[in-house]
C-alpha atoms as a PDB file:
ATOM      1  CA  MET A   1     121.480 141.570 123.190  1.00  0.00           C
ATOM      2  CA  LYS A   2     124.027 138.829 123.230  1.00  0.00           C
ATOM      3  CA  ASN A   3     125.125 137.150 120.040  1.00  0.00           C
ATOM      4  CA  ILE A   4     124.550 133.380 120.274  1.00  0.00           C
ATOM      5  CA  PHE A   5     126.682 132.480 117.238  1.00  0.00           C
ATOM      6  CA  GLN A   6     130.395 132.257 117.492  1.00  0.00           C
ATOM      7  CA  PHE A   7     131.803 134.352 114.714  1.00  0.00           C
ATOM      8  CA  PRO A   8     133.069 133.868 112.165  1.00  0.00           C
ATOM      9  CA  VAL A   9     130.412 131.347 111.147  1.00  0.00           C
ATOM     10  CA  LYS A  10     131.893 129.074 108.559  1.00  0.00           C
ATOM     11  CA  LEU A  11     130.075 129.572 105.314  1.00  0.00           C
ATOM     12  CA  THR A  12     130.958 126.069 104.186  1.00  0.00           C
ATOM     13  CA  ALA A  13     129.088 124.531 107.142  1.00  0.00           C
ATOM     14  CA  VAL A  14     125.962 126.527 106.330  1.00  0.00           C
ATOM     15  CA  SER A  15     126.313 125.705 102.652  1.00  0.00           C
ATOM     16  CA  GLU A  16     126.678 121.966 103.367  1.00  0.00           C
ATOM     17  CA  GLY A  17     123.650 122.027 105.648  1.00  0.00           C
ATOM     18  CA  MET A  18     121.531 123.754 103.028  1.00  0.00           C
ATOM     19  CA  THR A  19     122.698 121.313 100.347  1.00  0.00           C
ATOM     20  CA  SER A  20     121.836 118.275 102.467  1.00  0.00           C
ATOM     21  CA  LEU A  21     118.409 119.769 103.298  1.00  0.00           C
ATOM     22  CA  HIS A  22     117.807 120.452  99.614  1.00  0.00           C
ATOM     23  CA  ASP A  23     118.768 116.876  98.667  1.00  0.00           C
ATOM     24  CA  PHE A  24     116.508 115.434 101.371  1.00  0.00           C
ATOM     25  CA  LEU A  25     113.513 117.509 100.254  1.00  0.00           C
ATOM     26  CA  LYS A  26     114.125 116.688  96.595  1.00  0.00           C
ATOM     27  CA  THR A  27     114.335 112.940  97.316  1.00  0.00           C
ATOM     28  CA  SER A  28     111.191 113.033  99.468  1.00  0.00           C
ATOM     29  CA  TYR A  29     109.303 114.925  96.764  1.00  0.00           C
ATOM     30  CA  ASN A  30     110.361 112.432  94.069  1.00  0.00           C
ATOM     31  CA  GLU A  31     109.317 109.463  96.230  1.00  0.00           C
ATOM     32  CA  LYS A  32     105.889 110.989  96.919  1.00  0.00           C
ATOM     33  CA  LYS A  33     105.476 111.866  93.246  1.00  0.00           C
ATOM     34  CA  GLU A  34     106.197 108.262  92.236  1.00  0.00           C
ATOM     35  CA  TRP A  35     103.751 106.946  94.851  1.00  0.00           C
ATOM     36  CA  VAL A  36     100.994 109.274  93.654  1.00  0.00           C
ATOM     37  CA  THR A  37     101.655 108.313  90.024  1.00  0.00           C
ATOM     38  CA  GLU A  38     101.455 104.592  90.862  1.00  0.00           C
ATOM     39  CA  SER A  39      98.250 105.126  92.851  1.00  0.00           C
ATOM     40  CA  ILE A  40      96.625 106.992  89.978  1.00  0.00           C
ATOM     41  CA  ALA A  41      97.657 104.254  87.536  1.00  0.00           C
ATOM     42  CA  PHE A  42      96.121 101.621  89.819  1.00  0.00           C
ATOM     43  CA  LEU A  43      92.861 103.542  90.074  1.00  0.00           C
ATOM     44  CA  LYS A  44      92.754 103.970  86.298  1.00  0.00           C
ATOM     45  CA  ASP A  45      93.256 100.212  85.860  1.00  0.00           C
ATOM     46  CA  PHE A  46      90.523  99.517  88.388  1.00  0.00           C
ATOM     47  CA  SER A  47      88.064 101.903  86.735  1.00  0.00           C
ATOM     48  CA  GLN A  48      88.895 100.423  83.326  1.00  0.00           C
ATOM     49  CA  MET A  49      88.146  96.909  84.631  1.00  0.00           C
ATOM     50  CA  GLU A  50      84.849  98.132  86.040  1.00  0.00           C
ATOM     51  CA  GLU A  51      83.929  99.757  82.723  1.00  0.00           C
ATOM     52  CA  GLU A  52      84.746  96.552  80.813  1.00  0.00           C
ATOM     53  CA  PHE A  53      82.625  94.605  83.285  1.00  0.00           C
ATOM     54  CA  ARG A  54      79.675  96.948  82.699  1.00  0.00           C
ATOM     55  CA  GLN A  55      80.092  96.742  78.911  1.00  0.00           C
ATOM     56  CA  GLU A  56      80.104  92.957  79.080  1.00  0.00           C
ATOM     57  CA  LEU A  57      76.881  93.020  81.060  1.00  0.00           C
ATOM     58  CA  THR A  58      75.148  95.298  78.558  1.00  0.00           C
ATOM     59  CA  LYS A  59      76.309  93.228  75.557  1.00  0.00           C
ATOM     60  CA  LYS A  60      74.566  90.091  76.687  1.00  0.00           C
ATOM     61  CA  ASN A  61      71.267  91.804  77.612  1.00  0.00           C
ATOM     62  CA  GLU A  62      70.610  89.132  80.172  1.00  0.00           C
ATOM     63  CA  PHE A  63      71.180  88.769  83.872  1.00  0.00           C
ATOM     64  CA  CYS A  64      74.739  87.708  84.674  1.00  0.00           C
ATOM     65  CA  ILE A  65      76.608  86.995  87.870  1.00  0.00           C
ATOM     66  CA  CYS A  66      80.287  86.578  88.572  1.00  0.00           C
ATOM     67  CA  LEU A  67      80.986  83.109  89.978  1.00  0.00           C
ATOM     68  CA  GLU A  68      84.565  82.168  90.814  1.00  0.00           C
ATOM     69  CA  GLY A  69      85.902  84.943  88.576  1.00  0.00           C
ATOM     70  CA  GLU A  70      83.792  83.976  85.547  1.00  0.00           C
ATOM     71  CA  MET A  71      80.732  85.737  84.165  1.00  0.00           C
ATOM     72  CA  VAL A  72      77.848  83.252  84.150  1.00  0.00           C
ATOM     73  CA  SER A  73      74.467  83.897  82.532  1.00  0.00           C
ATOM     74  CA  GLU A  74      71.143  83.288  84.210  1.00  0.00           C
ATOM     75  CA  LYS A  75      70.479  80.278  81.970  1.00  0.00           C
ATOM     76  CA  GLU A  76      73.796  78.673  82.909  1.00  0.00           C
ATOM     77  CA  VAL A  77      73.174  79.210  86.615  1.00  0.00           C
ATOM     78  CA  LEU A  78      69.707  77.658  86.416  1.00  0.00           C
ATOM     79  CA  SER A  79      70.991  74.668  84.441  1.00  0.00           C
ATOM     80  CA  ARG A  80      73.585  73.773  87.080  1.00  0.00           C
ATOM     81  CA  PRO A  81      72.751  71.235  89.782  1.00  0.00           C
ATOM     82  CA  MET A  82      71.526  72.957  92.922  1.00  0.00           C
ATOM     83  CA  GLU A  83      71.563  71.964  96.526  1.00  0.00           C
ATOM     84  CA  GLU A  84      68.199  71.335  98.099  1.00  0.00           C
ATOM     85  CA  ASN A  85      67.564  72.580 101.602  1.00  0.00           C
ATOM     86  CA  TYR A  86      64.576  71.318 103.518  1.00  0.00           C
END
């Protein structure tokens, strides 16, 4: 069996390669960890908004609809001028 490495292999070259690989993996892990943390925070914010929306609906005990970003009750909708289609 023939040896494919030229000896002596410089230990510093191997050490530098391992250090750069370690730094790369550490940086990649930290970036992914930050992305996952931000994604979880976004989903928590979204679920909190949904929960507040549901609580608002149950407080009023009447039918509501969201029009142009504003919660409007059934009475308000019916009191607005409506377009007639024939």
